[in-house]
Amino acid sequence: AAEAARAGATVAGGDTASFDAVLLAVTGLGDL
């Protein structure tokens, strides 16, 4: 959230699951 805010963006949603290691998939959206 802090890094998104530094860019002027917001964490808008996503999903969570259990796994045996940490895996993050991040989709970024932007305005031209």
Full PDB file with SEQRES, HELIX, SHEET, SSBOND, CRYST1, ORIGX, SCALE, CONECT and MASTER records, all heavy atoms in Angstrom:
SEQRES   1 A   32  ALA ALA GLU ALA ALA ARG ALA GLY ALA THR VAL ALA GLY          
SEQRES   2 A   32  GLY ASP THR ALA SER PHE ASP ALA VAL LEU LEU ALA VAL          
SEQRES   3 A   32  THR GLY LEU GLY ASP LEU                                      
HELIX    1 AA1 ALA A    2  ARG A    6  1                                   5    
CRYST1    1.000    1.000    1.000  90.00  90.00  90.00 P 1           1          
ORIGX1      1.000000  0.000000  0.000000        0.00000                         
ORIGX2      0.000000  1.000000  0.000000        0.00000                         
ORIGX3      0.000000  0.000000  1.000000        0.00000                         
SCALE1      1.000000  0.000000  0.000000        0.00000                         
SCALE2      0.000000  1.000000  0.000000        0.00000                         
SCALE3      0.000000  0.000000  1.000000        0.00000                         
ATOM      1  N   ALA A   1       0.818  -1.215   0.000  1.00  0.00           N  
ATOM      2  CA  ALA A   1       0.000   0.000   0.000  1.00  0.00           C  
ATOM      3  C   ALA A   1       0.846   1.257   0.000  1.00  0.00           C  
ATOM      4  O   ALA A   1       0.533   2.238  -0.680  1.00  0.00           O  
ATOM      5  CB  ALA A   1      -0.932  -0.018   1.210  1.00  0.00           C  
ATOM      6  N   ALA A   2       1.940   1.240   0.763  1.00  0.00           N  
ATOM      7  CA  ALA A   2       2.792   2.425   0.847  1.00  0.00           C  
ATOM      8  C   ALA A   2       3.448   2.728  -0.490  1.00  0.00           C  
ATOM      9  O   ALA A   2       3.523   3.885  -0.919  1.00  0.00           O  
ATOM     10  CB  ALA A   2       3.839   2.244   1.938  1.00  0.00           C  
ATOM     11  N   GLU A   3       3.948   1.686  -1.178  1.00  0.00           N  
ATOM     12  CA  GLU A   3       4.593   1.931  -2.471  1.00  0.00           C  
ATOM     13  C   GLU A   3       3.566   2.346  -3.517  1.00  0.00           C  
ATOM     14  O   GLU A   3       3.834   3.210  -4.363  1.00  0.00           O  
ATOM     15  CB  GLU A   3       5.358   0.697  -2.934  1.00  0.00           C  
ATOM     16  CG  GLU A   3       6.225   0.925  -4.158  1.00  0.00           C  
ATOM     17  CD  GLU A   3       7.289   1.982  -3.957  1.00  0.00           C  
ATOM     18  OE1 GLU A   3       7.761   2.170  -2.810  1.00  0.00           O  
ATOM     19  OE2 GLU A   3       7.671   2.643  -4.958  1.00  0.00           O  
ATOM     20  N   ALA A   4       2.381   1.745  -3.475  1.00  0.00           N  
ATOM     21  CA  ALA A   4       1.328   2.179  -4.388  1.00  0.00           C  
ATOM     22  C   ALA A   4       0.988   3.646  -4.156  1.00  0.00           C  
ATOM     23  O   ALA A   4       0.846   4.426  -5.108  1.00  0.00           O  
ATOM     24  CB  ALA A   4       0.087   1.303  -4.215  1.00  0.00           C  
ATOM     25  N   ALA A   5       0.877   4.030  -2.889  1.00  0.00           N  
ATOM     26  CA  ALA A   5       0.557   5.424  -2.575  1.00  0.00           C  
ATOM     27  C   ALA A   5       1.648   6.366  -3.056  1.00  0.00           C  
ATOM     28  O   ALA A   5       1.366   7.480  -3.514  1.00  0.00           O  
ATOM     29  CB  ALA A   5       0.338   5.577  -1.070  1.00  0.00           C  
ATOM     30  N   ARG A   6       2.922   5.934  -2.975  1.00  0.00           N  
ATOM     31  CA  ARG A   6       4.019   6.782  -3.454  1.00  0.00           C  
ATOM     32  C   ARG A   6       3.887   7.066  -4.943  1.00  0.00           C  
ATOM     33  O   ARG A   6       4.297   8.121  -5.429  1.00  0.00           O  
ATOM     34  CB  ARG A   6       5.365   6.100  -3.169  1.00  0.00           C  
ATOM     35  CG  ARG A   6       6.568   7.028  -3.294  1.00  0.00           C  
ATOM     36  CD  ARG A   6       7.876   6.324  -2.948  1.00  0.00           C  
ATOM     37  NE  ARG A   6       8.295   5.397  -3.966  1.00  0.00           N  
ATOM     38  CZ  ARG A   6       8.958   5.754  -5.083  1.00  0.00           C  
ATOM     39  NH1 ARG A   6       9.253   7.027  -5.298  1.00  0.00           N  
ATOM     40  NH2 ARG A   6       9.313   4.854  -5.976  1.00  0.00           N  
ATOM     41  N   ALA A   7       3.293   6.120  -5.673  1.00  0.00           N  
ATOM     42  CA  ALA A   7       3.079   6.302  -7.105  1.00  0.00           C  
ATOM     43  C   ALA A   7       1.750   6.974  -7.413  1.00  0.00           C  
ATOM     44  O   ALA A   7       1.442   7.209  -8.577  1.00  0.00           O  
ATOM     45  CB  ALA A   7       3.142   4.951  -7.808  1.00  0.00           C  
ATOM     46  N   GLY A   8       0.953   7.254  -6.377  1.00  0.00           N  
ATOM     47  CA  GLY A   8      -0.371   7.836  -6.592  1.00  0.00           C  
ATOM     48  C   GLY A   8      -1.427   6.806  -6.929  1.00  0.00           C  
ATOM     49  O   GLY A   8      -2.491   7.154  -7.454  1.00  0.00           O  
ATOM     50  N   ALA A   9      -1.153   5.529  -6.634  1.00  0.00           N  
ATOM     51  CA  ALA A   9      -2.075   4.443  -6.965  1.00  0.00           C  
ATOM     52  C   ALA A   9      -2.680   3.849  -5.698  1.00  0.00           C  
ATOM     53  O   ALA A   9      -2.338   4.227  -4.580  1.00  0.00           O  
ATOM     54  CB  ALA A   9      -1.349   3.363  -7.768  1.00  0.00           C  
ATOM     55  N   THR A  10      -3.568   2.874  -5.885  1.00  0.00           N  
ATOM     56  CA  THR A  10      -4.290   2.237  -4.788  1.00  0.00           C  
ATOM     57  C   THR A  10      -4.305   0.727  -5.003  1.00  0.00           C  
ATOM     58  O   THR A  10      -4.397   0.268  -6.141  1.00  0.00           O  
ATOM     59  CB  THR A  10      -5.754   2.737  -4.750  1.00  0.00           C  
ATOM     60  OG1 THR A  10      -5.770   4.151  -4.607  1.00  0.00           O  
ATOM     61  CG2 THR A  10      -6.513   2.116  -3.587  1.00  0.00           C  
ATOM     62  N   VAL A  11      -4.184  -0.051  -3.921  1.00  0.00           N  
ATOM     63  CA  VAL A  11      -4.414  -1.490  -4.008  1.00  0.00           C  
ATOM     64  C   VAL A  11      -5.918  -1.707  -4.049  1.00  0.00           C  
ATOM     65  O   VAL A  11      -6.629  -1.455  -3.071  1.00  0.00           O  
ATOM     66  CB  VAL A  11      -3.783  -2.240  -2.816  1.00  0.00           C  
ATOM     67  CG1 VAL A  11      -4.073  -3.735  -2.921  1.00  0.00           C  
ATOM     68  CG2 VAL A  11      -2.277  -2.000  -2.761  1.00  0.00           C  
ATOM     69  N   ALA A  12      -6.428  -2.163  -5.208  1.00  0.00           N  
ATOM     70  CA  ALA A  12      -7.874  -2.186  -5.439  1.00  0.00           C  
ATOM     71  C   ALA A  12      -8.510  -3.534  -5.176  1.00  0.00           C  
ATOM     72  O   ALA A  12      -9.738  -3.629  -5.100  1.00  0.00           O  
ATOM     73  CB  ALA A  12      -8.169  -1.759  -6.882  1.00  0.00           C  
ATOM     74  N   GLY A  13      -7.725  -4.614  -5.038  1.00  0.00           N  
ATOM     75  CA  GLY A  13      -8.318  -5.920  -4.784  1.00  0.00           C  
ATOM     76  C   GLY A  13      -7.351  -7.025  -5.130  1.00  0.00           C  
ATOM     77  O   GLY A  13      -6.156  -6.787  -5.348  1.00  0.00           O  
ATOM     78  N   GLY A  14      -7.855  -8.275  -5.183  1.00  0.00           N  
ATOM     79  CA  GLY A  14      -7.017  -9.416  -5.503  1.00  0.00           C  
ATOM     80  C   GLY A  14      -7.532 -10.692  -4.889  1.00  0.00           C  
ATOM     81  O   GLY A  14      -8.743 -10.875  -4.752  1.00  0.00           O  
ATOM     82  N   ASP A  15      -6.623 -11.571  -4.457  1.00  0.00           N  
ATOM     83  CA  ASP A  15      -7.021 -12.874  -3.913  1.00  0.00           C  
ATOM     84  C   ASP A  15      -5.908 -13.410  -3.030  1.00  0.00           C  
ATOM     85  O   ASP A  15      -4.752 -12.939  -3.088  1.00  0.00           O  
ATOM     86  CB  ASP A  15      -7.290 -13.846  -5.066  1.00  0.00           C  
ATOM     87  CG  ASP A  15      -8.144 -15.034  -4.638  1.00  0.00           C  
ATOM     88  OD1 ASP A  15      -8.633 -15.029  -3.485  1.00  0.00           O  
ATOM     89  OD2 ASP A  15      -8.320 -15.956  -5.455  1.00  0.00           O  
ATOM     90  N   THR A  16      -6.243 -14.395  -2.192  1.00  0.00           N  
ATOM     91  CA  THR A  16      -5.268 -15.043  -1.318  1.00  0.00           C  
ATOM     92  C   THR A  16      -5.435 -16.554  -1.394  1.00  0.00           C  
ATOM     93  O   THR A  16      -6.520 -17.059  -1.701  1.00  0.00           O  
ATOM     94  CB  THR A  16      -5.423 -14.596   0.147  1.00  0.00           C  
ATOM     95  OG1 THR A  16      -6.771 -14.870   0.573  1.00  0.00           O  
ATOM     96  CG2 THR A  16      -5.136 -13.119   0.307  1.00  0.00           C  
ATOM     97  N   ALA A  17      -4.350 -17.279  -1.112  1.00  0.00           N  
ATOM     98  CA  ALA A  17      -4.392 -18.738  -1.093  1.00  0.00           C  
ATOM     99  C   ALA A  17      -3.257 -19.244  -0.222  1.00  0.00           C  
ATOM    100  O   ALA A  17      -2.299 -18.519   0.062  1.00  0.00           O  
ATOM    101  CB  ALA A  17      -4.277 -19.303  -2.504  1.00  0.00           C  
ATOM    102  N   SER A  18      -3.360 -20.495   0.200  1.00  0.00           N  
ATOM    103  CA  SER A  18      -2.301 -21.146   0.967  1.00  0.00           C  
ATOM    104  C   SER A  18      -1.373 -21.896   0.019  1.00  0.00           C  
ATOM    105  O   SER A  18      -1.817 -22.552  -0.927  1.00  0.00           O  
ATOM    106  CB  SER A  18      -2.918 -22.120   1.969  1.00  0.00           C  
ATOM    107  OG  SER A  18      -1.907 -22.819   2.669  1.00  0.00           O  
ATOM    108  N   PHE A  19      -0.050 -21.769   0.279  1.00  0.00           N  
ATOM    109  CA  PHE A  19       0.949 -22.439  -0.548  1.00  0.00           C  
ATOM    110  C   PHE A  19       2.175 -22.660   0.324  1.00  0.00           C  
ATOM    111  O   PHE A  19       2.296 -22.074   1.407  1.00  0.00           O  
ATOM    112  CB  PHE A  19       1.269 -21.576  -1.777  1.00  0.00           C  
ATOM    113  CG  PHE A  19       2.112 -22.261  -2.814  1.00  0.00           C  
ATOM    114  CD1 PHE A  19       1.706 -23.455  -3.395  1.00  0.00           C  
ATOM    115  CD2 PHE A  19       3.314 -21.711  -3.222  1.00  0.00           C  
ATOM    116  CE1 PHE A  19       2.484 -24.082  -4.347  1.00  0.00           C  
ATOM    117  CE2 PHE A  19       4.095 -22.331  -4.180  1.00  0.00           C  
ATOM    118  CZ  PHE A  19       3.678 -23.521  -4.747  1.00  0.00           C  
ATOM    119  N   ASP A  20       3.120 -23.482  -0.137  1.00  0.00           N  
ATOM    120  CA  ASP A  20       4.267 -23.803   0.707  1.00  0.00           C  
ATOM    121  C   ASP A  20       5.408 -22.795   0.597  1.00  0.00           C  
ATOM    122  O   ASP A  20       6.446 -22.955   1.232  1.00  0.00           O  
ATOM    123  CB  ASP A  20       4.788 -25.211   0.410  1.00  0.00           C  
ATOM    124  CG  ASP A  20       5.151 -25.413  -1.053  1.00  0.00           C  
ATOM    125  OD1 ASP A  20       5.092 -24.432  -1.833  1.00  0.00           O  
ATOM    126  OD2 ASP A  20       5.497 -26.559  -1.420  1.00  0.00           O  
ATOM    127  N   ALA A  21       5.260 -21.762  -0.206  1.00  0.00           N  
ATOM    128  CA  ALA A  21       6.215 -20.660  -0.293  1.00  0.00           C  
ATOM    129  C   ALA A  21       5.423 -19.398  -0.585  1.00  0.00           C  
ATOM    130  O   ALA A  21       4.225 -19.460  -0.902  1.00  0.00           O  
ATOM    131  CB  ALA A  21       7.247 -20.914  -1.383  1.00  0.00           C  
ATOM    132  N   VAL A  22       6.094 -18.253  -0.481  1.00  0.00           N  
ATOM    133  CA  VAL A  22       5.417 -16.993  -0.759  1.00  0.00           C  
ATOM    134  C   VAL A  22       5.486 -16.709  -2.250  1.00  0.00           C  
ATOM    135  O   VAL A  22       6.558 -16.714  -2.864  1.00  0.00           O  
ATOM    136  CB  VAL A  22       6.057 -15.830   0.024  1.00  0.00           C  
ATOM    137  CG1 VAL A  22       5.376 -14.512  -0.332  1.00  0.00           C  
ATOM    138  CG2 VAL A  22       5.957 -16.079   1.527  1.00  0.00           C  
ATOM    139  N   LEU A  23       4.335 -16.457  -2.839  1.00  0.00           N  
ATOM    140  CA  LEU A  23       4.216 -16.116  -4.250  1.00  0.00           C  
ATOM    141  C   LEU A  23       3.279 -14.925  -4.381  1.00  0.00           C  
ATOM    142  O   LEU A  23       2.157 -14.949  -3.871  1.00  0.00           O  
ATOM    143  CB  LEU A  23       3.656 -17.305  -5.040  1.00  0.00           C  
ATOM    144  CG  LEU A  23       3.210 -17.047  -6.486  1.00  0.00           C  
ATOM    145  CD1 LEU A  23       4.398 -16.641  -7.343  1.00  0.00           C  
ATOM    146  CD2 LEU A  23       2.529 -18.286  -7.058  1.00  0.00           C  
ATOM    147  N   LEU A  24       3.755 -13.879  -5.037  1.00  0.00           N  
ATOM    148  CA  LEU A  24       2.945 -12.684  -5.268  1.00  0.00           C  
ATOM    149  C   LEU A  24       2.809 -12.459  -6.761  1.00  0.00           C  
ATOM    150  O   LEU A  24       3.799 -12.479  -7.498  1.00  0.00           O  
ATOM    151  CB  LEU A  24       3.607 -11.452  -4.638  1.00  0.00           C  
ATOM    152  CG  LEU A  24       3.394 -11.224  -3.146  1.00  0.00           C  
ATOM    153  CD1 LEU A  24       4.505 -10.325  -2.600  1.00  0.00           C  
ATOM    154  CD2 LEU A  24       2.041 -10.580  -2.902  1.00  0.00           C  
ATOM    155  N   ALA A  25       1.591 -12.254  -7.218  1.00  0.00           N  
ATOM    156  CA  ALA A  25       1.338 -11.858  -8.605  1.00  0.00           C  
ATOM    157  C   ALA A  25       0.630 -10.516  -8.549  1.00  0.00           C  
ATOM    158  O   ALA A  25      -0.455 -10.406  -7.961  1.00  0.00           O  
ATOM    159  CB  ALA A  25       0.489 -12.891  -9.326  1.00  0.00           C  
ATOM    160  N   VAL A  26       1.240  -9.510  -9.113  1.00  0.00           N  
ATOM    161  CA  VAL A  26       0.721  -8.145  -9.015  1.00  0.00           C  
ATOM    162  C   VAL A  26       0.401  -7.625 -10.404  1.00  0.00           C  
ATOM    163  O   VAL A  26       1.259  -7.636 -11.295  1.00  0.00           O  
ATOM    164  CB  VAL A  26       1.727  -7.206  -8.331  1.00  0.00           C  
ATOM    165  CG1 VAL A  26       1.167  -5.791  -8.242  1.00  0.00           C  
ATOM    166  CG2 VAL A  26       2.080  -7.722  -6.941  1.00  0.00           C  
ATOM    167  N   THR A  27      -0.821  -7.190 -10.595  1.00  0.00           N  
ATOM    168  CA  THR A  27      -1.247  -6.542 -11.832  1.00  0.00           C  
ATOM    169  C   THR A  27      -1.296  -5.043 -11.601  1.00  0.00           C  
ATOM    170  O   THR A  27      -1.927  -4.585 -10.645  1.00  0.00           O  
ATOM    171  CB  THR A  27      -2.625  -7.054 -12.278  1.00  0.00           C  
ATOM    172  OG1 THR A  27      -2.530  -8.438 -12.577  1.00  0.00           O  
ATOM    173  CG2 THR A  27      -3.114  -6.307 -13.508  1.00  0.00           C  
ATOM    174  N   GLY A  28      -0.617  -4.299 -12.451  1.00  0.00           N  
ATOM    175  CA  GLY A  28      -0.640  -2.845 -12.363  1.00  0.00           C  
ATOM    176  C   GLY A  28      -1.478  -2.250 -13.470  1.00  0.00           C  
ATOM    177  O   GLY A  28      -1.443  -2.726 -14.615  1.00  0.00           O  
ATOM    178  N   LEU A  29      -2.237  -1.217 -13.138  1.00  0.00           N  
ATOM    179  CA  LEU A  29      -3.090  -0.525 -14.099  1.00  0.00           C  
ATOM    180  C   LEU A  29      -2.699   0.947 -14.145  1.00  0.00           C  
ATOM    181  O   LEU A  29      -2.270   1.512 -13.132  1.00  0.00           O  
ATOM    182  CB  LEU A  29      -4.561  -0.671 -13.720  1.00  0.00           C  
ATOM    183  CG  LEU A  29      -5.070  -2.111 -13.543  1.00  0.00           C  
ATOM    184  CD1 LEU A  29      -6.506  -2.099 -13.038  1.00  0.00           C  
ATOM    185  CD2 LEU A  29      -4.973  -2.881 -14.853  1.00  0.00           C  
ATOM    186  N   GLY A  30      -2.842   1.568 -15.310  1.00  0.00           N  
ATOM    187  CA  GLY A  30      -2.442   2.961 -15.432  1.00  0.00           C  
ATOM    188  C   GLY A  30      -3.270   3.727 -16.439  1.00  0.00           C  
ATOM    189  O   GLY A  30      -3.997   3.148 -17.259  1.00  0.00           O  
ATOM    190  N   ASP A  31      -3.127   5.044 -16.399  1.00  0.00           N  
ATOM    191  CA  ASP A  31      -3.904   5.983 -17.204  1.00  0.00           C  
ATOM    192  C   ASP A  31      -2.948   6.798 -18.075  1.00  0.00           C  
ATOM    193  O   ASP A  31      -2.020   7.433 -17.568  1.00  0.00           O  
ATOM    194  CB  ASP A  31      -4.684   6.909 -16.252  1.00  0.00           C  
ATOM    195  CG  ASP A  31      -5.510   7.956 -16.986  1.00  0.00           C  
ATOM    196  OD1 ASP A  31      -5.651   7.875 -18.220  1.00  0.00           O  
ATOM    197  OD2 ASP A  31      -6.022   8.866 -16.308  1.00  0.00           O  
ATOM    198  N   LEU A  32      -3.167   6.793 -19.383  1.00  0.00           N  
ATOM    199  CA  LEU A  32      -2.324   7.552 -20.304  1.00  0.00           C  
ATOM    200  C   LEU A  32      -2.676   9.036 -20.356  1.00  0.00           C  
ATOM    201  O   LEU A  32      -1.935   9.829 -20.952  1.00  0.00           O  
ATOM    202  CB  LEU A  32      -2.412   6.949 -21.708  1.00  0.00           C  
ATOM    203  CG  LEU A  32      -1.706   5.604 -21.879  1.00  0.00           C  
ATOM    204  CD1 LEU A  32      -2.177   4.917 -23.157  1.00  0.00           C  
ATOM    205  CD2 LEU A  32      -0.204   5.785 -21.906  1.00  0.00           C  
TER     206      LEU A  32                                                      
MASTER        0    0    0    1    0    0    0    6  205    1    0    3          
END                                                                             
